[in-house]
Amino acid sequence: LTMFARRVAKALEQAVECKRVGVAVIGLEVP
């Protein structure tokens, strides 16, 4: 999961203008 998320984050950085891709794991609203 974390390696997949890293690949998605790298693609996201290229697709959407930003300084960084922030990461959050909260997990309260959907089980």
PDB file of all heavy atoms in Angstrom:
ATOM      1  N   LEU A   1       0.822  -1.207   0.000  1.00  0.00           N
ATOM      2  CA  LEU A   1       0.000   0.000   0.000  1.00  0.00           C
ATOM      3  C   LEU A   1       0.857   1.259   0.000  1.00  0.00           C
ATOM      4  O   LEU A   1       0.610   2.186  -0.778  1.00  0.00           O
ATOM      5  CB  LEU A   1      -0.942   0.004   1.210  1.00  0.00           C
ATOM      6  CG  LEU A   1      -1.881   1.208   1.324  1.00  0.00           C
ATOM      7  CD1 LEU A   1      -2.901   1.217   0.190  1.00  0.00           C
ATOM      8  CD2 LEU A   1      -2.586   1.201   2.678  1.00  0.00           C
ATOM      9  N   THR A   2       1.873   1.310   0.842  1.00  0.00           N
ATOM     10  CA  THR A   2       2.693   2.526   0.928  1.00  0.00           C
ATOM     11  C   THR A   2       3.541   2.723  -0.333  1.00  0.00           C
ATOM     12  O   THR A   2       3.716   3.859  -0.777  1.00  0.00           O
ATOM     13  CB  THR A   2       3.558   2.545   2.195  1.00  0.00           C
ATOM     14  OG1 THR A   2       4.368   1.381   2.252  1.00  0.00           O
ATOM     15  CG2 THR A   2       2.701   2.646   3.440  1.00  0.00           C
ATOM     16  N   MET A   3       4.034   1.650  -0.923  1.00  0.00           N
ATOM     17  CA  MET A   3       4.800   1.786  -2.165  1.00  0.00           C
ATOM     18  C   MET A   3       3.883   2.216  -3.315  1.00  0.00           C
ATOM     19  O   MET A   3       4.274   3.029  -4.165  1.00  0.00           O
ATOM     20  CB  MET A   3       5.522   0.486  -2.503  1.00  0.00           C
ATOM     21  CG  MET A   3       6.642   0.151  -1.521  1.00  0.00           C
ATOM     22  SD  MET A   3       7.884   1.468  -1.333  1.00  0.00           S
ATOM     23  CE  MET A   3       8.623   1.438  -2.958  1.00  0.00           C
ATOM     24  N   PHE A   4       2.675   1.681  -3.337  1.00  0.00           N
ATOM     25  CA  PHE A   4       1.694   2.093  -4.347  1.00  0.00           C
ATOM     26  C   PHE A   4       1.360   3.576  -4.150  1.00  0.00           C
ATOM     27  O   PHE A   4       1.314   4.338  -5.119  1.00  0.00           O
ATOM     28  CB  PHE A   4       0.448   1.212  -4.234  1.00  0.00           C
ATOM     29  CG  PHE A   4      -0.634   1.534  -5.223  1.00  0.00           C
ATOM     30  CD1 PHE A   4      -0.504   1.195  -6.558  1.00  0.00           C
ATOM     31  CD2 PHE A   4      -1.806   2.163  -4.809  1.00  0.00           C
ATOM     32  CE1 PHE A   4      -1.513   1.484  -7.476  1.00  0.00           C
ATOM     33  CE2 PHE A   4      -2.815   2.453  -5.717  1.00  0.00           C
ATOM     34  CZ  PHE A   4      -2.669   2.114  -7.051  1.00  0.00           C
ATOM     35  N   ALA A   5       1.135   3.986  -2.908  1.00  0.00           N
ATOM     36  CA  ALA A   5       0.830   5.397  -2.612  1.00  0.00           C
ATOM     37  C   ALA A   5       1.975   6.295  -3.072  1.00  0.00           C
ATOM     38  O   ALA A   5       1.737   7.399  -3.591  1.00  0.00           O
ATOM     39  CB  ALA A   5       0.559   5.584  -1.121  1.00  0.00           C
ATOM     40  N   ARG A   6       3.196   5.841  -2.909  1.00  0.00           N
ATOM     41  CA  ARG A   6       4.356   6.623  -3.355  1.00  0.00           C
ATOM     42  C   ARG A   6       4.313   6.821  -4.871  1.00  0.00           C
ATOM     43  O   ARG A   6       4.565   7.921  -5.364  1.00  0.00           O
ATOM     44  CB  ARG A   6       5.646   5.919  -2.945  1.00  0.00           C
ATOM     45  CG  ARG A   6       6.882   6.654  -3.353  1.00  0.00           C
ATOM     46  CD  ARG A   6       8.107   5.901  -2.924  1.00  0.00           C
ATOM     47  NE  ARG A   6       9.292   6.645  -3.315  1.00  0.00           N
ATOM     48  CZ  ARG A   6      10.465   6.100  -3.461  1.00  0.00           C
ATOM     49  NH1 ARG A   6      10.638   4.813  -3.234  1.00  0.00           N
ATOM     50  NH2 ARG A   6      11.491   6.825  -3.835  1.00  0.00           N
ATOM     51  N   ARG A   7       4.004   5.766  -5.615  1.00  0.00           N
ATOM     52  CA  ARG A   7       3.918   5.885  -7.075  1.00  0.00           C
ATOM     53  C   ARG A   7       2.799   6.854  -7.474  1.00  0.00           C
ATOM     54  O   ARG A   7       2.972   7.676  -8.379  1.00  0.00           O
ATOM     55  CB  ARG A   7       3.699   4.518  -7.719  1.00  0.00           C
ATOM     56  CG  ARG A   7       4.920   3.613  -7.622  1.00  0.00           C
ATOM     57  CD  ARG A   7       4.837   2.362  -8.486  1.00  0.00           C
ATOM     58  NE  ARG A   7       3.648   1.547  -8.289  1.00  0.00           N
ATOM     59  CZ  ARG A   7       3.514   0.596  -7.370  1.00  0.00           C
ATOM     60  NH1 ARG A   7       4.500   0.339  -6.528  1.00  0.00           N
ATOM     61  NH2 ARG A   7       2.392  -0.098  -7.281  1.00  0.00           N
ATOM     62  N   VAL A   8       1.675   6.761  -6.787  1.00  0.00           N
ATOM     63  CA  VAL A   8       0.562   7.677  -7.073  1.00  0.00           C
ATOM     64  C   VAL A   8       0.969   9.112  -6.735  1.00  0.00           C
ATOM     65  O   VAL A   8       0.692  10.040  -7.504  1.00  0.00           O
ATOM     66  CB  VAL A   8      -0.715   7.264  -6.309  1.00  0.00           C
ATOM     67  CG1 VAL A   8      -1.815   8.303  -6.489  1.00  0.00           C
ATOM     68  CG2 VAL A   8      -1.195   5.885  -6.766  1.00  0.00           C
ATOM     69  N   ALA A   9       1.651   9.310  -5.619  1.00  0.00           N
ATOM     70  CA  ALA A   9       2.087  10.655  -5.219  1.00  0.00           C
ATOM     71  C   ALA A   9       3.032  11.261  -6.254  1.00  0.00           C
ATOM     72  O   ALA A   9       2.930  12.456  -6.570  1.00  0.00           O
ATOM     73  CB  ALA A   9       2.748  10.610  -3.844  1.00  0.00           C
ATOM     74  N   LYS A  10       3.931  10.464  -6.786  1.00  0.00           N
ATOM     75  CA  LYS A  10       4.868  10.958  -7.815  1.00  0.00           C
ATOM     76  C   LYS A  10       4.094  11.394  -9.067  1.00  0.00           C
ATOM     77  O   LYS A  10       4.413  12.419  -9.673  1.00  0.00           O
ATOM     78  CB  LYS A  10       5.892   9.889  -8.172  1.00  0.00           C
ATOM     79  CG  LYS A  10       6.834   9.534  -7.040  1.00  0.00           C
ATOM     80  CD  LYS A  10       7.817  10.635  -6.792  1.00  0.00           C
ATOM     81  CE  LYS A  10       8.849  10.203  -5.764  1.00  0.00           C
ATOM     82  NZ  LYS A  10       9.766  11.286  -5.438  1.00  0.00           N
ATOM     83  N   ALA A  11       3.093  10.624  -9.455  1.00  0.00           N
ATOM     84  CA  ALA A  11       2.261  10.996 -10.600  1.00  0.00           C
ATOM     85  C   ALA A  11       1.444  12.251 -10.285  1.00  0.00           C
ATOM     86  O   ALA A  11       1.308  13.144 -11.133  1.00  0.00           O
ATOM     87  CB  ALA A  11       1.343   9.835 -10.980  1.00  0.00           C
ATOM     88  N   LEU A  12       0.921  12.321  -9.085  1.00  0.00           N
ATOM     89  CA  LEU A  12       0.131  13.469  -8.649  1.00  0.00           C
ATOM     90  C   LEU A  12       0.955  14.746  -8.697  1.00  0.00           C
ATOM     91  O   LEU A  12       0.480  15.788  -9.169  1.00  0.00           O
ATOM     92  CB  LEU A  12      -0.405  13.200  -7.237  1.00  0.00           C
ATOM     93  CG  LEU A  12      -1.302  14.216  -6.570  1.00  0.00           C
ATOM     94  CD1 LEU A  12      -2.509  14.563  -7.424  1.00  0.00           C
ATOM     95  CD2 LEU A  12      -1.747  13.697  -5.202  1.00  0.00           C
ATOM     96  N   GLU A  13       2.206  14.680  -8.261  1.00  0.00           N
ATOM     97  CA  GLU A  13       3.102  15.845  -8.309  1.00  0.00           C
ATOM     98  C   GLU A  13       3.282  16.370  -9.727  1.00  0.00           C
ATOM     99  O   GLU A  13       3.427  17.569  -9.935  1.00  0.00           O
ATOM    100  CB  GLU A  13       4.489  15.485  -7.764  1.00  0.00           C
ATOM    101  CG  GLU A  13       4.590  15.409  -6.280  1.00  0.00           C
ATOM    102  CD  GLU A  13       5.987  15.030  -5.825  1.00  0.00           C
ATOM    103  OE1 GLU A  13       6.622  14.157  -6.455  1.00  0.00           O
ATOM    104  OE2 GLU A  13       6.445  15.613  -4.825  1.00  0.00           O
ATOM    105  N   GLN A  14       3.299  15.476 -10.679  1.00  0.00           N
ATOM    106  CA  GLN A  14       3.470  15.872 -12.078  1.00  0.00           C
ATOM    107  C   GLN A  14       2.173  16.398 -12.694  1.00  0.00           C
ATOM    108  O   GLN A  14       2.211  17.197 -13.628  1.00  0.00           O
ATOM    109  CB  GLN A  14       3.953  14.688 -12.899  1.00  0.00           C
ATOM    110  CG  GLN A  14       5.334  14.202 -12.521  1.00  0.00           C
ATOM    111  CD  GLN A  14       5.694  12.950 -13.304  1.00  0.00           C
ATOM    112  OE1 GLN A  14       5.481  12.882 -14.509  1.00  0.00           O
ATOM    113  NE2 GLN A  14       6.225  11.959 -12.611  1.00  0.00           N
ATOM    114  N   ALA A  15       1.047  15.943 -12.190  1.00  0.00           N
ATOM    115  CA  ALA A  15      -0.245  16.267 -12.795  1.00  0.00           C
ATOM    116  C   ALA A  15      -0.906  17.516 -12.221  1.00  0.00           C
ATOM    117  O   ALA A  15      -1.659  18.184 -12.925  1.00  0.00           O
ATOM    118  CB  ALA A  15      -1.192  15.080 -12.650  1.00  0.00           C
ATOM    119  N   VAL A  16      -0.654  17.811 -10.949  1.00  0.00           N
ATOM    120  CA  VAL A  16      -1.305  18.936 -10.274  1.00  0.00           C
ATOM    121  C   VAL A  16      -0.222  19.835  -9.693  1.00  0.00           C
ATOM    122  O   VAL A  16       0.654  19.370  -8.964  1.00  0.00           O
ATOM    123  CB  VAL A  16      -2.248  18.431  -9.153  1.00  0.00           C
ATOM    124  CG1 VAL A  16      -2.857  19.598  -8.394  1.00  0.00           C
ATOM    125  CG2 VAL A  16      -3.338  17.537  -9.725  1.00  0.00           C
ATOM    126  N   GLU A  17      -0.303  21.102 -10.017  1.00  0.00           N
ATOM    127  CA  GLU A  17       0.704  22.041  -9.540  1.00  0.00           C
ATOM    128  C   GLU A  17       0.699  22.107  -8.018  1.00  0.00           C
ATOM    129  O   GLU A  17      -0.333  22.347  -7.392  1.00  0.00           O
ATOM    130  CB  GLU A  17       0.443  23.429 -10.125  1.00  0.00           C
ATOM    131  CG  GLU A  17       1.573  24.393  -9.869  1.00  0.00           C
ATOM    132  CD  GLU A  17       1.378  25.712 -10.608  1.00  0.00           C
ATOM    133  OE1 GLU A  17       0.792  25.710 -11.693  1.00  0.00           O
ATOM    134  OE2 GLU A  17       1.829  26.738 -10.055  1.00  0.00           O
ATOM    135  N   CYS A  18       1.875  21.859  -7.427  1.00  0.00           N
ATOM    136  CA  CYS A  18       2.009  21.892  -5.972  1.00  0.00           C
ATOM    137  C   CYS A  18       3.489  21.930  -5.606  1.00  0.00           C
ATOM    138  O   CYS A  18       4.345  21.666  -6.441  1.00  0.00           O
ATOM    139  CB  CYS A  18       1.334  20.671  -5.342  1.00  0.00           C
ATOM    140  SG  CYS A  18       2.031  19.080  -5.837  1.00  0.00           S
ATOM    141  N   LYS A  19       3.764  22.242  -4.331  1.00  0.00           N
ATOM    142  CA  LYS A  19       5.140  22.154  -3.823  1.00  0.00           C
ATOM    143  C   LYS A  19       5.469  20.739  -3.403  1.00  0.00           C
ATOM    144  O   LYS A  19       6.577  20.265  -3.570  1.00  0.00           O
ATOM    145  CB  LYS A  19       5.331  23.084  -2.627  1.00  0.00           C
ATOM    146  CG  LYS A  19       5.539  24.516  -2.970  1.00  0.00           C
ATOM    147  CD  LYS A  19       5.940  25.280  -1.725  1.00  0.00           C
ATOM    148  CE  LYS A  19       6.285  26.705  -2.075  1.00  0.00           C
ATOM    149  NZ  LYS A  19       6.688  27.456  -0.880  1.00  0.00           N
ATOM    150  N   ARG A  20       4.484  20.091  -2.800  1.00  0.00           N
ATOM    151  CA  ARG A  20       4.639  18.730  -2.285  1.00  0.00           C
ATOM    152  C   ARG A  20       3.293  18.032  -2.312  1.00  0.00           C
ATOM    153  O   ARG A  20       2.256  18.644  -2.482  1.00  0.00           O
ATOM    154  CB  ARG A  20       5.113  18.751  -0.825  1.00  0.00           C
ATOM    155  CG  ARG A  20       6.454  19.384  -0.598  1.00  0.00           C
ATOM    156  CD  ARG A  20       7.392  18.382   0.031  1.00  0.00           C
ATOM    157  NE  ARG A  20       8.772  18.803  -0.098  1.00  0.00           N
ATOM    158  CZ  ARG A  20       9.476  19.394   0.832  1.00  0.00           C
ATOM    159  NH1 ARG A  20       8.927  19.663   1.992  1.00  0.00           N
ATOM    160  NH2 ARG A  20      10.734  19.707   0.619  1.00  0.00           N
ATOM    161  N   VAL A  21       3.346  16.740  -2.052  1.00  0.00           N
ATOM    162  CA  VAL A  21       2.127  15.985  -1.819  1.00  0.00           C
ATOM    163  C   VAL A  21       2.119  15.621  -0.346  1.00  0.00           C
ATOM    164  O   VAL A  21       3.021  14.924   0.136  1.00  0.00           O
ATOM    165  CB  VAL A  21       2.045  14.729  -2.706  1.00  0.00           C
ATOM    166  CG1 VAL A  21       0.848  13.867  -2.309  1.00  0.00           C
ATOM    167  CG2 VAL A  21       1.950  15.115  -4.173  1.00  0.00           C
ATOM    168  N   GLY A  22       1.129  16.142   0.368  1.00  0.00           N
ATOM    169  CA  GLY A  22       0.980  15.827   1.781  1.00  0.00           C
ATOM    170  C   GLY A  22       0.337  14.461   1.952  1.00  0.00           C
ATOM    171  O   GLY A  22      -0.418  13.997   1.087  1.00  0.00           O
ATOM    172  N   VAL A  23       0.649  13.825   3.068  1.00  0.00           N
ATOM    173  CA  VAL A  23       0.138  12.490   3.370  1.00  0.00           C
ATOM    174  C   VAL A  23      -0.561  12.530   4.722  1.00  0.00           C
ATOM    175  O   VAL A  23      -0.026  13.077   5.683  1.00  0.00           O
ATOM    176  CB  VAL A  23       1.284  11.456   3.428  1.00  0.00           C
ATOM    177  CG1 VAL A  23       0.760  10.080   3.767  1.00  0.00           C
ATOM    178  CG2 VAL A  23       2.064  11.437   2.127  1.00  0.00           C
ATOM    179  N   ALA A  24      -1.754  11.934   4.760  1.00  0.00           N
ATOM    180  CA  ALA A  24      -2.484  11.833   6.027  1.00  0.00           C
ATOM    181  C   ALA A  24      -3.128  10.455   6.114  1.00  0.00           C
ATOM    182  O   ALA A  24      -3.640   9.941   5.125  1.00  0.00           O
ATOM    183  CB  ALA A  24      -3.548  12.918   6.133  1.00  0.00           C
ATOM    184  N   VAL A  25      -3.056   9.888   7.304  1.00  0.00           N
ATOM    185  CA  VAL A  25      -3.763   8.644   7.598  1.00  0.00           C
ATOM    186  C   VAL A  25      -4.600   8.924   8.831  1.00  0.00           C
ATOM    187  O   VAL A  25      -4.057   9.102   9.916  1.00  0.00           O
ATOM    188  CB  VAL A  25      -2.786   7.475   7.852  1.00  0.00           C
ATOM    189  CG1 VAL A  25      -3.553   6.215   8.226  1.00  0.00           C
ATOM    190  CG2 VAL A  25      -1.907   7.237   6.633  1.00  0.00           C
ATOM    191  N   ILE A  26      -5.908   9.012   8.631  1.00  0.00           N
ATOM    192  CA  ILE A  26      -6.803   9.327   9.738  1.00  0.00           C
ATOM    193  C   ILE A  26      -7.675   8.113  10.022  1.00  0.00           C
ATOM    194  O   ILE A  26      -7.654   7.548  11.091  1.00  0.00           O
ATOM    195  CB  ILE A  26      -7.650  10.581   9.426  1.00  0.00           C
ATOM    196  CG1 ILE A  26      -6.713  11.768   9.163  1.00  0.00           C
ATOM    197  CG2 ILE A  26      -8.613  10.876  10.561  1.00  0.00           C
ATOM    198  CD1 ILE A  26      -7.385  12.964   8.549  1.00  0.00           C
ATOM    199  N   GLY A  27      -8.464   7.726   9.042  1.00  0.00           N
ATOM    200  CA  GLY A  27      -9.197   6.479   9.103  1.00  0.00           C
ATOM    201  C   GLY A  27     -10.333   6.384  10.091  1.00  0.00           C
ATOM    202  O   GLY A  27     -10.645   5.300  10.561  1.00  0.00           O
ATOM    203  N   LEU A  28     -10.983   7.489  10.385  1.00  0.00           N
ATOM    204  CA  LEU A  28     -12.115   7.431  11.311  1.00  0.00           C
ATOM    205  C   LEU A  28     -13.459   7.416  10.601  1.00  0.00           C
ATOM    206  O   LEU A  28     -14.407   6.812  11.084  1.00  0.00           O
ATOM    207  CB  LEU A  28     -12.067   8.609  12.285  1.00  0.00           C
ATOM    208  CG  LEU A  28     -10.886   8.616  13.253  1.00  0.00           C
ATOM    209  CD1 LEU A  28     -10.905   9.884  14.092  1.00  0.00           C
ATOM    210  CD2 LEU A  28     -10.910   7.392  14.141  1.00  0.00           C
ATOM    211  N   GLU A  29     -13.551   8.064   9.449  1.00  0.00           N
ATOM    212  CA  GLU A  29     -14.855   8.222   8.810  1.00  0.00           C
ATOM    213  C   GLU A  29     -15.289   7.021   7.972  1.00  0.00           C
ATOM    214  O   GLU A  29     -16.471   6.803   7.780  1.00  0.00           O
ATOM    215  CB  GLU A  29     -14.925   9.508   7.980  1.00  0.00           C
ATOM    216  CG  GLU A  29     -13.943   9.589   6.820  1.00  0.00           C
ATOM    217  CD  GLU A  29     -12.535  10.015   7.186  1.00  0.00           C
ATOM    218  OE1 GLU A  29     -12.301  10.540   8.281  1.00  0.00           O
ATOM    219  OE2 GLU A  29     -11.641   9.799   6.346  1.00  0.00           O
ATOM    220  N   VAL A  30     -14.360   6.237   7.460  1.00  0.00           N
ATOM    221  CA  VAL A  30     -14.686   5.034   6.687  1.00  0.00           C
ATOM    222  C   VAL A  30     -13.890   3.872   7.287  1.00  0.00           C
ATOM    223  O   VAL A  30     -12.667   3.975   7.402  1.00  0.00           O
ATOM    224  CB  VAL A  30     -14.334   5.204   5.190  1.00  0.00           C
ATOM    225  CG1 VAL A  30     -14.617   3.926   4.412  1.00  0.00           C
ATOM    226  CG2 VAL A  30     -15.107   6.376   4.584  1.00  0.00           C
ATOM    227  N   PRO A  31     -14.550   2.772   7.661  1.00  0.00           N
ATOM    228  CA  PRO A  31     -13.840   1.651   8.288  1.00  0.00           C
ATOM    229  C   PRO A  31     -13.094   0.772   7.273  1.00  0.00           C
ATOM    230  O   PRO A  31     -13.328  -0.424   7.148  1.00  0.00           O
ATOM    231  CB  PRO A  31     -14.968   0.875   8.986  1.00  0.00           C
ATOM    232  CG  PRO A  31     -16.162   1.120   8.122  1.00  0.00           C
ATOM    233  CD  PRO A  31     -15.998   2.524   7.612  1.00  0.00           C
TER     234      PRO A  31
END
